[in-house]
Structures are given as C-alpha cells and as structure tokens.
PDB file of N, CA and C in Angstrom:
ATOM      1  N   MET A   1       0.843  -1.160   0.000  1.00  0.00           N
ATOM      2  CA  MET A   1       0.000   0.000   0.000  1.00  0.00           C
ATOM      3  C   MET A   1       0.895   1.232   0.000  1.00  0.00           C
ATOM      4  N   ILE A   2       0.546   2.176  -0.818  1.00  0.00           N
ATOM      5  CA  ILE A   2       1.262   3.443  -0.861  1.00  0.00           C
ATOM      6  C   ILE A   2       0.294   4.502  -0.350  1.00  0.00           C
ATOM      7  N   VAL A   3       0.696   5.170   0.722  1.00  0.00           N
ATOM      8  CA  VAL A   3      -0.161   6.174   1.330  1.00  0.00           C
ATOM      9  C   VAL A   3       0.656   7.395   1.723  1.00  0.00           C
ATOM     10  N   GLN A   4      -0.049   8.482   1.904  1.00  0.00           N
ATOM     11  CA  GLN A   4       0.554   9.714   2.391  1.00  0.00           C
ATOM     12  C   GLN A   4      -0.343  10.229   3.500  1.00  0.00           C
ATOM     13  N   SER A   5       0.268  10.613   4.628  1.00  0.00           N
ATOM     14  CA  SER A   5      -0.515  11.091   5.750  1.00  0.00           C
ATOM     15  C   SER A   5       0.356  11.898   6.697  1.00  0.00           C
ATOM     16  N   ARG A   6      -0.226  12.906   7.295  1.00  0.00           N
ATOM     17  CA  ARG A   6       0.474  13.668   8.327  1.00  0.00           C
ATOM     18  C   ARG A   6       0.508  12.881   9.640  1.00  0.00           C
ATOM     19  N   GLU A   7      -0.410  11.941   9.798  1.00  0.00           N
ATOM     20  CA  GLU A   7      -0.490  11.109  10.997  1.00  0.00           C
ATOM     21  C   GLU A   7      -0.443   9.643  10.586  1.00  0.00           C
ATOM     22  N   LEU A   8       0.645   9.232   9.944  1.00  0.00           N
ATOM     23  CA  LEU A   8       0.742   7.902   9.347  1.00  0.00           C
ATOM     24  C   LEU A   8       0.520   6.790  10.365  1.00  0.00           C
ATOM     25  N   SER A   9       1.192   6.831  11.492  1.00  0.00           N
ATOM     26  CA  SER A   9       1.044   5.767  12.487  1.00  0.00           C
ATOM     27  C   SER A   9      -0.405   5.627  12.940  1.00  0.00           C
ATOM     28  N   LYS A  10      -1.032   6.734  13.246  1.00  0.00           N
ATOM     29  CA  LYS A  10      -2.430   6.722  13.691  1.00  0.00           C
ATOM     30  C   LYS A  10      -3.341   6.172  12.597  1.00  0.00           C
ATOM     31  N   ASN A  11      -3.139   6.602  11.358  1.00  0.00           N
ATOM     32  CA  ASN A  11      -3.985   6.153  10.255  1.00  0.00           C
ATOM     33  C   ASN A  11      -3.781   4.682   9.929  1.00  0.00           C
ATOM     34  N   ILE A  12      -2.545   4.204   9.977  1.00  0.00           N
ATOM     35  CA  ILE A  12      -2.277   2.783   9.723  1.00  0.00           C
ATOM     36  C   ILE A  12      -2.905   1.935  10.822  1.00  0.00           C
ATOM     37  N   ARG A  13      -2.780   2.377  12.070  1.00  0.00           N
ATOM     38  CA  ARG A  13      -3.387   1.648  13.192  1.00  0.00           C
ATOM     39  C   ARG A  13      -4.903   1.540  12.997  1.00  0.00           C
ATOM     40  N   ALA A  14      -5.556   2.644  12.620  1.00  0.00           N
ATOM     41  CA  ALA A  14      -7.002   2.645  12.393  1.00  0.00           C
ATOM     42  C   ALA A  14      -7.373   1.743  11.216  1.00  0.00           C
ATOM     43  N   PHE A  15      -6.588   1.809  10.142  1.00  0.00           N
ATOM     44  CA  PHE A  15      -6.827   0.958   8.972  1.00  0.00           C
ATOM     45  C   PHE A  15      -6.750  -0.519   9.340  1.00  0.00           C
ATOM     46  N   LYS A  16      -5.692  -0.890  10.059  1.00  0.00           N
ATOM     47  CA  LYS A  16      -5.503  -2.289  10.433  1.00  0.00           C
ATOM     48  C   LYS A  16      -6.600  -2.773  11.381  1.00  0.00           C
ATOM     49  N   SER A  17      -7.000  -1.927  12.295  1.00  0.00           N
ATOM     50  CA  SER A  17      -8.065  -2.283  13.235  1.00  0.00           C
ATOM     51  C   SER A  17      -9.387  -2.493  12.504  1.00  0.00           C
ATOM     52  N   TRP A  18      -9.755  -1.541  11.657  1.00  0.00           N
ATOM     53  CA  TRP A  18     -11.025  -1.617  10.939  1.00  0.00           C
ATOM     54  C   TRP A  18     -11.056  -2.826  10.005  1.00  0.00           C
ATOM     55  N   THR A  19      -9.985  -3.017   9.215  1.00  0.00           N
ATOM     56  CA  THR A  19      -9.982  -4.124   8.261  1.00  0.00           C
ATOM     57  C   THR A  19      -9.930  -5.476   8.964  1.00  0.00           C
ATOM     58  N   ALA A  20      -9.181  -5.578  10.051  1.00  0.00           N
ATOM     59  CA  ALA A  20      -9.132  -6.846  10.796  1.00  0.00           C
ATOM     60  C   ALA A  20     -10.520  -7.211  11.307  1.00  0.00           C
ATOM     61  N   ARG A  21     -11.215  -6.230  11.882  1.00  0.00           N
ATOM     62  CA  ARG A  21     -12.576  -6.479  12.395  1.00  0.00           C
ATOM     63  C   ARG A  21     -13.490  -6.916  11.256  1.00  0.00           C
ATOM     64  N   ALA A  22     -13.409  -6.234  10.114  1.00  0.00           N
ATOM     65  CA  ALA A  22     -14.263  -6.575   8.970  1.00  0.00           C
ATOM     66  C   ALA A  22     -13.957  -7.979   8.445  1.00  0.00           C
ATOM     67  N   ILE A  23     -12.674  -8.334   8.378  1.00  0.00           N
ATOM     68  CA  ILE A  23     -12.278  -9.667   7.898  1.00  0.00           C
ATOM     69  C   ILE A  23     -12.771 -10.747   8.853  1.00  0.00           C
ATOM     70  N   ILE A  24     -12.563 -10.555  10.137  1.00  0.00           N
ATOM     71  CA  ILE A  24     -12.998 -11.544  11.121  1.00  0.00           C
ATOM     72  C   ILE A  24     -14.523 -11.693  11.101  1.00  0.00           C
ATOM     73  N   ASP A  25     -15.227 -10.590  11.052  1.00  0.00           N
ATOM     74  CA  ASP A  25     -16.697 -10.648  10.991  1.00  0.00           C
ATOM     75  C   ASP A  25     -17.163 -11.381   9.746  1.00  0.00           C
ATOM     76  N   GLN A  26     -16.547 -11.085   8.600  1.00  0.00           N
ATOM     77  CA  GLN A  26     -16.937 -11.733   7.339  1.00  0.00           C
ATOM     78  C   GLN A  26     -16.669 -13.239   7.396  1.00  0.00           C
ATOM     79  N   PHE A  27     -15.497 -13.621   7.894  1.00  0.00           N
ATOM     80  CA  PHE A  27     -15.172 -15.041   8.000  1.00  0.00           C
ATOM     81  C   PHE A  27     -16.092 -15.743   8.985  1.00  0.00           C
ATOM     82  N   SER A  28     -16.431 -15.082  10.072  1.00  0.00           N
ATOM     83  CA  SER A  28     -17.339 -15.668  11.059  1.00  0.00           C
ATOM     84  C   SER A  28     -18.722 -15.891  10.453  1.00  0.00           C
ATOM     85  N   GLU A  29     -19.234 -14.872   9.757  1.00  0.00           N
ATOM     86  CA  GLU A  29     -20.558 -14.963   9.139  1.00  0.00           C
ATOM     87  C   GLU A  29     -20.628 -16.054   8.077  1.00  0.00           C
ATOM     88  N   ASN A  30     -19.512 -16.295   7.394  1.00  0.00           N
ATOM     89  CA  ASN A  30     -19.501 -17.270   6.299  1.00  0.00           C
ATOM     90  C   ASN A  30     -18.943 -18.632   6.712  1.00  0.00           C
ATOM     91  N   GLY A  31     -18.678 -18.819   7.993  1.00  0.00           N
ATOM     92  CA  GLY A  31     -18.269 -20.125   8.499  1.00  0.00           C
ATOM     93  C   GLY A  31     -16.872 -20.567   8.098  1.00  0.00           C
ATOM     94  N   HIS A  32     -15.953 -19.624   7.911  1.00  0.00           N
ATOM     95  CA  HIS A  32     -14.575 -19.965   7.545  1.00  0.00           C
ATOM     96  C   HIS A  32     -13.787 -20.331   8.806  1.00  0.00           C
ATOM     97  N   ILE A  33     -14.119 -21.477   9.365  1.00  0.00           N
ATOM     98  CA  ILE A  33     -13.566 -21.920  10.648  1.00  0.00           C
ATOM     99  C   ILE A  33     -12.054 -22.107  10.581  1.00  0.00           C
ATOM    100  N   LEU A  34     -11.548 -22.702   9.505  1.00  0.00           N
ATOM    101  CA  LEU A  34     -10.117 -22.961   9.376  1.00  0.00           C
ATOM    102  C   LEU A  34      -9.311 -21.665   9.384  1.00  0.00           C
ATOM    103  N   GLN A  35      -9.764 -20.671   8.633  1.00  0.00           N
ATOM    104  CA  GLN A  35      -9.050 -19.396   8.597  1.00  0.00           C
ATOM    105  C   GLN A  35      -9.101 -18.699   9.950  1.00  0.00           C
ATOM    106  N   LEU A  36     -10.248 -18.745  10.612  1.00  0.00           N
ATOM    107  CA  LEU A  36     -10.355 -18.144  11.941  1.00  0.00           C
ATOM    108  C   LEU A  36      -9.417 -18.831  12.927  1.00  0.00           C
ATOM    109  N   LYS A  37      -9.286 -20.144  12.795  1.00  0.00           N
ATOM    110  CA  LYS A  37      -8.356 -20.889  13.654  1.00  0.00           C
ATOM    111  C   LYS A  37      -6.918 -20.419  13.411  1.00  0.00           C
ATOM    112  N   LYS A  38      -6.563 -20.206  12.147  1.00  0.00           N
ATOM    113  CA  LYS A  38      -5.212 -19.713  11.822  1.00  0.00           C
ATOM    114  C   LYS A  38      -4.975 -18.332  12.425  1.00  0.00           C
ATOM    115  N   PHE A  39      -5.989 -17.474  12.380  1.00  0.00           N
ATOM    116  CA  PHE A  39      -5.862 -16.146  12.978  1.00  0.00           C
ATOM    117  C   PHE A  39      -5.700 -16.244  14.494  1.00  0.00           C
ATOM    118  N   ARG A  40      -6.385 -17.194  15.129  1.00  0.00           N
ATOM    119  CA  ARG A  40      -6.227 -17.377  16.581  1.00  0.00           C
ATOM    120  C   ARG A  40      -4.834 -17.888  16.913  1.00  0.00           C
ATOM    121  N   GLU A  41      -4.336 -18.817  16.102  1.00  0.00           N
ATOM    122  CA  GLU A  41      -2.998 -19.372  16.331  1.00  0.00           C
ATOM    123  C   GLU A  41      -1.903 -18.324  16.114  1.00  0.00           C
ATOM    124  N   ALA A  42      -2.150 -17.355  15.253  1.00  0.00           N
ATOM    125  CA  ALA A  42      -1.163 -16.319  14.944  1.00  0.00           C
ATOM    126  C   ALA A  42      -1.133 -15.214  16.002  1.00  0.00           C
ATOM    127  N   LYS A  43      -2.112 -15.207  16.882  1.00  0.00           N
ATOM    128  CA  LYS A  43      -2.225 -14.137  17.891  1.00  0.00           C
ATOM    129  C   LYS A  43      -1.034 -14.120  18.833  1.00  0.00           C
ATOM    130  N   ASN A  44      -0.539 -12.929  19.062  1.00  0.00           N
ATOM    131  CA  ASN A  44       0.533 -12.724  20.030  1.00  0.00           C
ATOM    132  C   ASN A  44      -0.037 -13.019  21.423  1.00  0.00           C
ATOM    133  N   PRO A  45       0.552 -13.969  22.170  1.00  0.00           N
ATOM    134  CA  PRO A  45       0.003 -14.320  23.486  1.00  0.00           C
ATOM    135  C   PRO A  45      -0.075 -13.133  24.449  1.00  0.00           C
ATOM    136  N   GLY A  46       0.774 -12.134  24.266  1.00  0.00           N
ATOM    137  CA  GLY A  46       0.763 -10.965  25.137  1.00  0.00           C
ATOM    138  C   GLY A  46      -0.328  -9.965  24.818  1.00  0.00           C
ATOM    139  N   ASN A  47      -1.016 -10.153  23.714  1.00  0.00           N
ATOM    140  CA  ASN A  47      -2.062  -9.232  23.289  1.00  0.00           C
ATOM    141  C   ASN A  47      -3.410  -9.736  23.799  1.00  0.00           C
ATOM    142  N   SER A  48      -3.960  -9.052  24.771  1.00  0.00           N
ATOM    143  CA  SER A  48      -5.238  -9.483  25.336  1.00  0.00           C
ATOM    144  C   SER A  48      -6.417  -8.713  24.743  1.00  0.00           C
ATOM    145  N   ASP A  49      -6.153  -7.840  23.769  1.00  0.00           N
ATOM    146  CA  ASP A  49      -7.219  -7.028  23.175  1.00  0.00           C
ATOM    147  C   ASP A  49      -8.165  -7.828  22.288  1.00  0.00           C
ATOM    148  N   SER A  50      -7.677  -8.920  21.701  1.00  0.00           N
ATOM    149  CA  SER A  50      -8.525  -9.679  20.783  1.00  0.00           C
ATOM    150  C   SER A  50      -8.142 -11.156  20.810  1.00  0.00           C
ATOM    151  N   ARG A  51      -8.978 -11.948  20.166  1.00  0.00           N
ATOM    152  CA  ARG A  51      -8.725 -13.386  20.083  1.00  0.00           C
ATOM    153  C   ARG A  51      -7.968 -13.750  18.806  1.00  0.00           C
ATOM    154  N   HIS A  52      -7.884 -12.836  17.854  1.00  0.00           N
ATOM    155  CA  HIS A  52      -7.314 -13.122  16.536  1.00  0.00           C
ATOM    156  C   HIS A  52      -6.187 -12.149  16.202  1.00  0.00           C
ATOM    157  N   GLN A  53      -5.308 -12.575  15.294  1.00  0.00           N
ATOM    158  CA  GLN A  53      -4.238 -11.715  14.772  1.00  0.00           C
ATOM    159  C   GLN A  53      -4.308 -11.782  13.253  1.00  0.00           C
ATOM    160  N   VAL A  54      -4.798 -10.711  12.636  1.00  0.00           N
ATOM    161  CA  VAL A  54      -4.914 -10.662  11.178  1.00  0.00           C
ATOM    162  C   VAL A  54      -3.653 -10.058  10.576  1.00  0.00           C
ATOM    163  N   TRP A  55      -3.189  -8.948  11.150  1.00  0.00           N
ATOM    164  CA  TRP A  55      -2.031  -8.223  10.640  1.00  0.00           C
ATOM    165  C   TRP A  55      -0.827  -8.453  11.535  1.00  0.00           C
ATOM    166  N   GLN A  56       0.353  -8.358  10.949  1.00  0.00           N
ATOM    167  CA  GLN A  56       1.570  -8.357  11.750  1.00  0.00           C
ATOM    168  C   GLN A  56       1.582  -7.094  12.599  1.00  0.00           C
ATOM    169  N   GLU A  57       2.177  -7.199  13.771  1.00  0.00           N
ATOM    170  CA  GLU A  57       2.264  -6.020  14.620  1.00  0.00           C
ATOM    171  C   GLU A  57       3.290  -5.047  14.048  1.00  0.00           C
ATOM    172  N   GLY A  58       2.996  -3.756  14.232  1.00  0.00           N
ATOM    173  CA  GLY A  58       3.895  -2.726  13.757  1.00  0.00           C
ATOM    174  C   GLY A  58       3.814  -2.544  12.246  1.00  0.00           C
ATOM    175  N   PHE A  59       4.605  -1.621  11.769  1.00  0.00           N
ATOM    176  CA  PHE A  59       4.753  -1.424  10.325  1.00  0.00           C
ATOM    177  C   PHE A  59       6.068  -0.713  10.091  1.00  0.00           C
ATOM    178  N   HIS A  60       6.558  -0.840   8.893  1.00  0.00           N
ATOM    179  CA  HIS A  60       7.877  -0.313   8.573  1.00  0.00           C
ATOM    180  C   HIS A  60       7.787   0.541   7.314  1.00  0.00           C
ATOM    181  N   PRO A  61       7.385   1.811   7.475  1.00  0.00           N
ATOM    182  CA  PRO A  61       7.216   2.657   6.292  1.00  0.00           C
ATOM    183  C   PRO A  61       8.547   2.976   5.624  1.00  0.00           C
ATOM    184  N   LYS A  62       8.481   3.104   4.329  1.00  0.00           N
ATOM    185  CA  LYS A  62       9.646   3.508   3.534  1.00  0.00           C
ATOM    186  C   LYS A  62       9.281   4.800   2.805  1.00  0.00           C
ATOM    187  N   GLN A  63      10.119   5.791   2.912  1.00  0.00           N
ATOM    188  CA  GLN A  63       9.877   7.046   2.210  1.00  0.00           C
ATOM    189  C   GLN A  63      10.232   6.871   0.740  1.00  0.00           C
ATOM    190  N   ILE A  64       9.334   7.252  -0.128  1.00  0.00           N
ATOM    191  CA  ILE A  64       9.577   7.188  -1.566  1.00  0.00           C
ATOM    192  C   ILE A  64      10.283   8.470  -1.969  1.00  0.00           C
ATOM    193  N   VAL A  65      11.499   8.310  -2.482  1.00  0.00           N
ATOM    194  CA  VAL A  65      12.368   9.468  -2.704  1.00  0.00           C
ATOM    195  C   VAL A  65      12.556   9.838  -4.177  1.00  0.00           C
ATOM    196  N   SER A  66      11.984   9.050  -5.092  1.00  0.00           N
ATOM    197  CA  SER A  66      12.159   9.370  -6.508  1.00  0.00           C
ATOM    198  C   SER A  66      11.015   8.764  -7.316  1.00  0.00           C
ATOM    199  N   ASP A  67      10.847   9.266  -8.537  1.00  0.00           N
ATOM    200  CA  ASP A  67       9.844   8.684  -9.437  1.00  0.00           C
ATOM    201  C   ASP A  67      10.164   7.219  -9.722  1.00  0.00           C
ATOM    202  N   GLU A  68      11.442   6.907  -9.882  1.00  0.00           N
ATOM    203  CA  GLU A  68      11.843   5.524 -10.164  1.00  0.00           C
ATOM    204  C   GLU A  68      11.451   4.596  -9.021  1.00  0.00           C
ATOM    205  N   MET A  69      11.631   5.059  -7.801  1.00  0.00           N
ATOM    206  CA  MET A  69      11.258   4.245  -6.650  1.00  0.00           C
ATOM    207  C   MET A  69       9.736   4.068  -6.593  1.00  0.00           C
ATOM    208  N   MET A  70       8.980   5.117  -6.900  1.00  0.00           N
ATOM    209  CA  MET A  70       7.522   5.025  -6.921  1.00  0.00           C
ATOM    210  C   MET A  70       7.071   3.997  -7.959  1.00  0.00           C
ATOM    211  N   ILE A  71       7.647   4.043  -9.142  1.00  0.00           N
ATOM    212  CA  ILE A  71       7.298   3.082 -10.194  1.00  0.00           C
ATOM    213  C   ILE A  71       7.619   1.661  -9.747  1.00  0.00           C
ATOM    214  N   GLN A  72       8.791   1.464  -9.146  1.00  0.00           N
ATOM    215  CA  GLN A  72       9.189   0.139  -8.676  1.00  0.00           C
ATOM    216  C   GLN A  72       8.188  -0.385  -7.646  1.00  0.00           C
ATOM    217  N   LYS A  73       7.757   0.455  -6.706  1.00  0.00           N
ATOM    218  CA  LYS A  73       6.812   0.043  -5.661  1.00  0.00           C
ATOM    219  C   LYS A  73       5.447  -0.291  -6.256  1.00  0.00           C
ATOM    220  N   ILE A  74       4.984   0.529  -7.188  1.00  0.00           N
ATOM    221  CA  ILE A  74       3.689   0.275  -7.824  1.00  0.00           C
ATOM    222  C   ILE A  74       3.727  -1.043  -8.590  1.00  0.00           C
ATOM    223  N   GLU A  75       4.788  -1.262  -9.367  1.00  0.00           N
ATOM    224  CA  GLU A  75       4.895  -2.511 -10.131  1.00  0.00           C
ATOM    225  C   GLU A  75       4.990  -3.718  -9.207  1.00  0.00           C
ATOM    226  N   TYR A  76       5.719  -3.584  -8.106  1.00  0.00           N
ATOM    227  CA  TYR A  76       5.824  -4.675  -7.130  1.00  0.00           C
ATOM    228  C   TYR A  76       4.439  -5.025  -6.580  1.00  0.00           C
ATOM    229  N   ILE A  77       3.682  -4.011  -6.185  1.00  0.00           N
ATOM    230  CA  ILE A  77       2.340  -4.240  -5.646  1.00  0.00           C
ATOM    231  C   ILE A  77       1.441  -4.870  -6.699  1.00  0.00           C
ATOM    232  N   HIS A  78       1.480  -4.363  -7.922  1.00  0.00           N
ATOM    233  CA  HIS A  78       0.631  -4.898  -8.991  1.00  0.00           C
ATOM    234  C   HIS A  78       0.959  -6.349  -9.307  1.00  0.00           C
ATOM    235  N   ASN A  79       2.221  -6.720  -9.219  1.00  0.00           N
ATOM    236  CA  ASN A  79       2.618  -8.072  -9.604  1.00  0.00           C
ATOM    237  C   ASN A  79       2.533  -9.106  -8.480  1.00  0.00           C
ATOM    238  N   ASN A  80       2.284  -8.687  -7.234  1.00  0.00           N
ATOM    239  CA  ASN A  80       2.188  -9.649  -6.141  1.00  0.00           C
ATOM    240  C   ASN A  80       1.155 -10.751  -6.379  1.00  0.00           C
ATOM    241  N   PRO A  81      -0.085 -10.444  -6.775  1.00  0.00           N
ATOM    242  CA  PRO A  81      -1.060 -11.520  -6.987  1.00  0.00           C
ATOM    243  C   PRO A  81      -0.670 -12.466  -8.127  1.00  0.00           C
ATOM    244  N   VAL A  82       0.063 -11.944  -9.111  1.00  0.00           N
ATOM    245  CA  VAL A  82       0.537 -12.783 -10.219  1.00  0.00           C
ATOM    246  C   VAL A  82       1.610 -13.737  -9.707  1.00  0.00           C
ATOM    247  N   LYS A  83       2.581 -13.206  -8.956  1.00  0.00           N
ATOM    248  CA  LYS A  83       3.656 -14.042  -8.417  1.00  0.00           C
ATOM    249  C   LYS A  83       3.126 -15.126  -7.494  1.00  0.00           C
ATOM    250  N   ARG A  84       2.052 -14.832  -6.756  1.00  0.00           N
ATOM    251  CA  ARG A  84       1.460 -15.817  -5.848  1.00  0.00           C
ATOM    252  C   ARG A  84       0.583 -16.830  -6.590  1.00  0.00           C
ATOM    253  N   GLY A  85       0.335 -16.588  -7.873  1.00  0.00           N
ATOM    254  CA  GLY A  85      -0.457 -17.526  -8.664  1.00  0.00           C
ATOM    255  C   GLY A  85      -1.960 -17.347  -8.532  1.00  0.00           C
ATOM    256  N   PHE A  86      -2.392 -16.216  -7.988  1.00  0.00           N
ATOM    257  CA  PHE A  86      -3.826 -15.974  -7.832  1.00  0.00           C
ATOM    258  C   PHE A  86      -4.487 -15.574  -9.146  1.00  0.00           C
ATOM    259  N   VAL A  87      -3.733 -14.874  -9.994  1.00  0.00           N
ATOM    260  CA  VAL A  87      -4.240 -14.402 -11.287  1.00  0.00           C
ATOM    261  C   VAL A  87      -3.123 -14.501 -12.318  1.00  0.00           C
ATOM    262  N   ASP A  88      -3.502 -14.404 -13.589  1.00  0.00           N
ATOM    263  CA  ASP A  88      -2.506 -14.436 -14.657  1.00  0.00           C
ATOM    264  C   ASP A  88      -1.931 -13.057 -14.968  1.00  0.00           C
ATOM    265  N   TYR A  89      -2.734 -12.020 -14.767  1.00  0.00           N
ATOM    266  CA  TYR A  89      -2.318 -10.654 -15.078  1.00  0.00           C
ATOM    267  C   TYR A  89      -2.682  -9.735 -13.916  1.00  0.00           C
ATOM    268  N   PRO A  90      -1.879  -8.703 -13.664  1.00  0.00           N
ATOM    269  CA  PRO A  90      -2.174  -7.810 -12.531  1.00  0.00           C
ATOM    270  C   PRO A  90      -3.597  -7.240 -12.555  1.00  0.00           C
ATOM    271  N   GLU A  91      -4.070  -6.886 -13.728  1.00  0.00           N
ATOM    272  CA  GLU A  91      -5.402  -6.291 -13.820  1.00  0.00           C
ATOM    273  C   GLU A  91      -6.532  -7.279 -13.541  1.00  0.00           C
ATOM    274  N   ASP A  92      -6.220  -8.572 -13.497  1.00  0.00           N
ATOM    275  CA  ASP A  92      -7.236  -9.572 -13.154  1.00  0.00           C
ATOM    276  C   ASP A  92      -7.548  -9.600 -11.653  1.00  0.00           C
ATOM    277  N   TRP A  93      -6.646  -9.067 -10.836  1.00  0.00           N
ATOM    278  CA  TRP A  93      -6.881  -8.998  -9.389  1.00  0.00           C
ATOM    279  C   TRP A  93      -7.864  -7.860  -9.136  1.00  0.00           C
ATOM    280  N   ARG A  94      -9.043  -8.173  -8.667  1.00  0.00           N
ATOM    281  CA  ARG A  94     -10.123  -7.195  -8.616  1.00  0.00           C
ATOM    282  C   ARG A  94      -9.830  -6.007  -7.704  1.00  0.00           C
ATOM    283  N   TYR A  95      -8.937  -6.170  -6.740  1.00  0.00           N
ATOM    284  CA  TYR A  95      -8.627  -5.081  -5.813  1.00  0.00           C
ATOM    285  C   TYR A  95      -7.382  -4.288  -6.220  1.00  0.00           C
ATOM    286  N   SER A  96      -6.822  -4.591  -7.383  1.00  0.00           N
ATOM    287  CA  SER A  96      -5.564  -3.970  -7.798  1.00  0.00           C
ATOM    288  C   SER A  96      -5.778  -2.618  -8.461  1.00  0.00           C
ATOM    289  N   SER A  97      -4.888  -1.681  -8.133  1.00  0.00           N
ATOM    290  CA  SER A  97      -4.926  -0.394  -8.828  1.00  0.00           C
ATOM    291  C   SER A  97      -4.433  -0.540 -10.265  1.00  0.00           C
ATOM    292  N   ALA A  98      -3.890  -1.694 -10.628  1.00  0.00           N
ATOM    293  CA  ALA A  98      -3.511  -1.931 -12.026  1.00  0.00           C
ATOM    294  C   ALA A  98      -4.721  -1.715 -12.924  1.00  0.00           C
ATOM    295  N   ARG A  99      -5.891  -2.047 -12.430  1.00  0.00           N
ATOM    296  CA  ARG A  99      -7.129  -1.837 -13.189  1.00  0.00           C
ATOM    297  C   ARG A  99      -7.353  -0.346 -13.455  1.00  0.00           C
ATOM    298  N   ASN A 100      -7.091   0.481 -12.446  1.00  0.00           N
ATOM    299  CA  ASN A 100      -7.262   1.922 -12.607  1.00  0.00           C
ATOM    300  C   ASN A 100      -6.311   2.474 -13.656  1.00  0.00           C
ATOM    301  N   TYR A 101      -5.070   1.954 -13.651  1.00  0.00           N
ATOM    302  CA  TYR A 101      -4.073   2.429 -14.613  1.00  0.00           C
ATOM    303  C   TYR A 101      -4.435   2.052 -16.045  1.00  0.00           C
ATOM    304  N   LEU A 102      -5.280   1.025 -16.209  1.00  0.00           N
ATOM    305  CA  LEU A 102      -5.708   0.604 -17.540  1.00  0.00           C
ATOM    306  C   LEU A 102      -7.114   1.115 -17.866  1.00  0.00           C
ATOM    307  N   ASP A 103      -7.599   2.084 -17.080  1.00  0.00           N
ATOM    308  CA  ASP A 103      -8.942   2.661 -17.266  1.00  0.00           C
ATOM    309  C   ASP A 103     -10.041   1.608 -17.218  1.00  0.00           C
ATOM    310  N   MET A 104      -9.825   0.571 -16.403  1.00  0.00           N
ATOM    311  CA  MET A 104     -10.823  -0.481 -16.246  1.00  0.00           C
ATOM    312  C   MET A 104     -11.716  -0.217 -15.031  1.00  0.00           C
ATOM    313  N   GLY A 105     -11.373   0.773 -14.253  1.00  0.00           N
ATOM    314  CA  GLY A 105     -12.134   1.033 -13.036  1.00  0.00           C
ATOM    315  C   GLY A 105     -11.734   0.044 -11.957  1.00  0.00           C
ATOM    316  N   GLY A 106     -11.777   0.501 -10.762  1.00  0.00           N
ATOM    317  CA  GLY A 106     -11.402  -0.359  -9.652  1.00  0.00           C
ATOM    318  C   GLY A 106     -12.392  -0.234  -8.517  1.00  0.00           C
ATOM    319  N   ILE A 107     -12.294  -1.141  -7.586  1.00  0.00           N
ATOM    320  CA  ILE A 107     -13.185  -1.128  -6.429  1.00  0.00           C
ATOM    321  C   ILE A 107     -12.755  -0.061  -5.439  1.00  0.00           C
ATOM    322  N   ILE A 108     -11.434   0.097  -5.300  1.00  0.00           N
ATOM    323  CA  ILE A 108     -10.878   1.023  -4.320  1.00  0.00           C
ATOM    324  C   ILE A 108     -10.412   2.279  -5.053  1.00  0.00           C
ATOM    325  N   PRO A 109     -10.877   3.458  -4.622  1.00  0.00           N
ATOM    326  CA  PRO A 109     -10.420   4.675  -5.302  1.00  0.00           C
ATOM    327  C   PRO A 109      -8.923   4.910  -5.083  1.00  0.00           C
ATOM    328  N   VAL A 110      -8.238   5.318  -6.125  1.00  0.00           N
ATOM    329  CA  VAL A 110      -6.806   5.595  -6.035  1.00  0.00           C
ATOM    330  C   VAL A 110      -6.492   6.901  -6.750  1.00  0.00           C
ATOM    331  N   THR A 111      -5.417   7.523  -6.318  1.00  0.00           N
ATOM    332  CA  THR A 111      -4.866   8.665  -7.037  1.00  0.00           C
ATOM    333  C   THR A 111      -3.719   8.119  -7.873  1.00  0.00           C
ATOM    334  N   LEU A 112      -3.821   8.215  -9.164  1.00  0.00           N
ATOM    335  CA  LEU A 112      -2.851   7.606 -10.057  1.00  0.00           C
ATOM    336  C   LEU A 112      -1.553   8.406 -10.094  1.00  0.00           C
ATOM    337  N   PHE A 113      -0.460   7.698 -10.102  1.00  0.00           N
ATOM    338  CA  PHE A 113       0.858   8.282 -10.321  1.00  0.00           C
ATOM    339  C   PHE A 113       1.130   8.139 -11.805  1.00  0.00           C
ATOM    340  N   ARG A 114       1.307   9.237 -12.487  1.00  0.00           N
ATOM    341  CA  ARG A 114       1.538   9.200 -13.942  1.00  0.00           C
ATOM    342  C   ARG A 114       3.024   9.106 -14.231  1.00  0.00           C
ATOM    343  N   PHE A 115       3.414   7.972 -14.865  1.00  0.00           N
ATOM    344  CA  PHE A 115       4.819   7.822 -15.223  1.00  0.00           C
ATOM    345  C   PHE A 115       4.986   7.906 -16.701  1.00  0.00           C
TER     346      PHE A 115
END
C-alpha cells in the first residue's frame, strides 16, 4: 500500500483495526472456521485485546524518494497476486490499482501516479 498522511502511524493503526474487524466478521458470518483458527494461532500471546491476529504487529514505512522508486513500488504491488499464482495478469486482481491504470475502473479509489 502506498499512502501519504500527516499522521501515518495513527492512520495505519485505524486501517488495520477496521480491516481486521471486517475480515474476522466476514469469516465468522460465512463459516470460515479454518481461517479463523489460523488467525487465533497467529495471535501474540501478550495481546489481550482480541482473540485473533490478522495483521503483523507494527509497520515499517519507507519514504519514496524518486519517481523511479515510486514506479518500482507500484509494479511490485501490482505483480504480487501474479507471483502468488492468484491471477494471470495484474489487472485480473479485482482489488488492484492496475485496473485503474488501464482505465478499467477499480473497487478502491486511487490517485494515479503518472509515469
């Protein structure tokens, strides 16, 4: 994810909290018992706030210092689902901004970086 924020730590924490809750609720509603079990097993024993661990604790932001670095990061993100074998092309991943770059429209609004 590439983001810009004056309060990055606070915003990332809120993002991770909201998405984790939504993922757990969705899996619970749809009976994804195996995945919920994996989330419980991944939980840090010292964390008493929840029963599940969806995201790794902490985050390690990298400052993008050049257009070349921005392009490299965007291409890396676009190609992740392809490398994992989920899709054949980046634009086939329904949540990818690769779709936006090809004027295919996307589910998640993005601000395009023009290279």
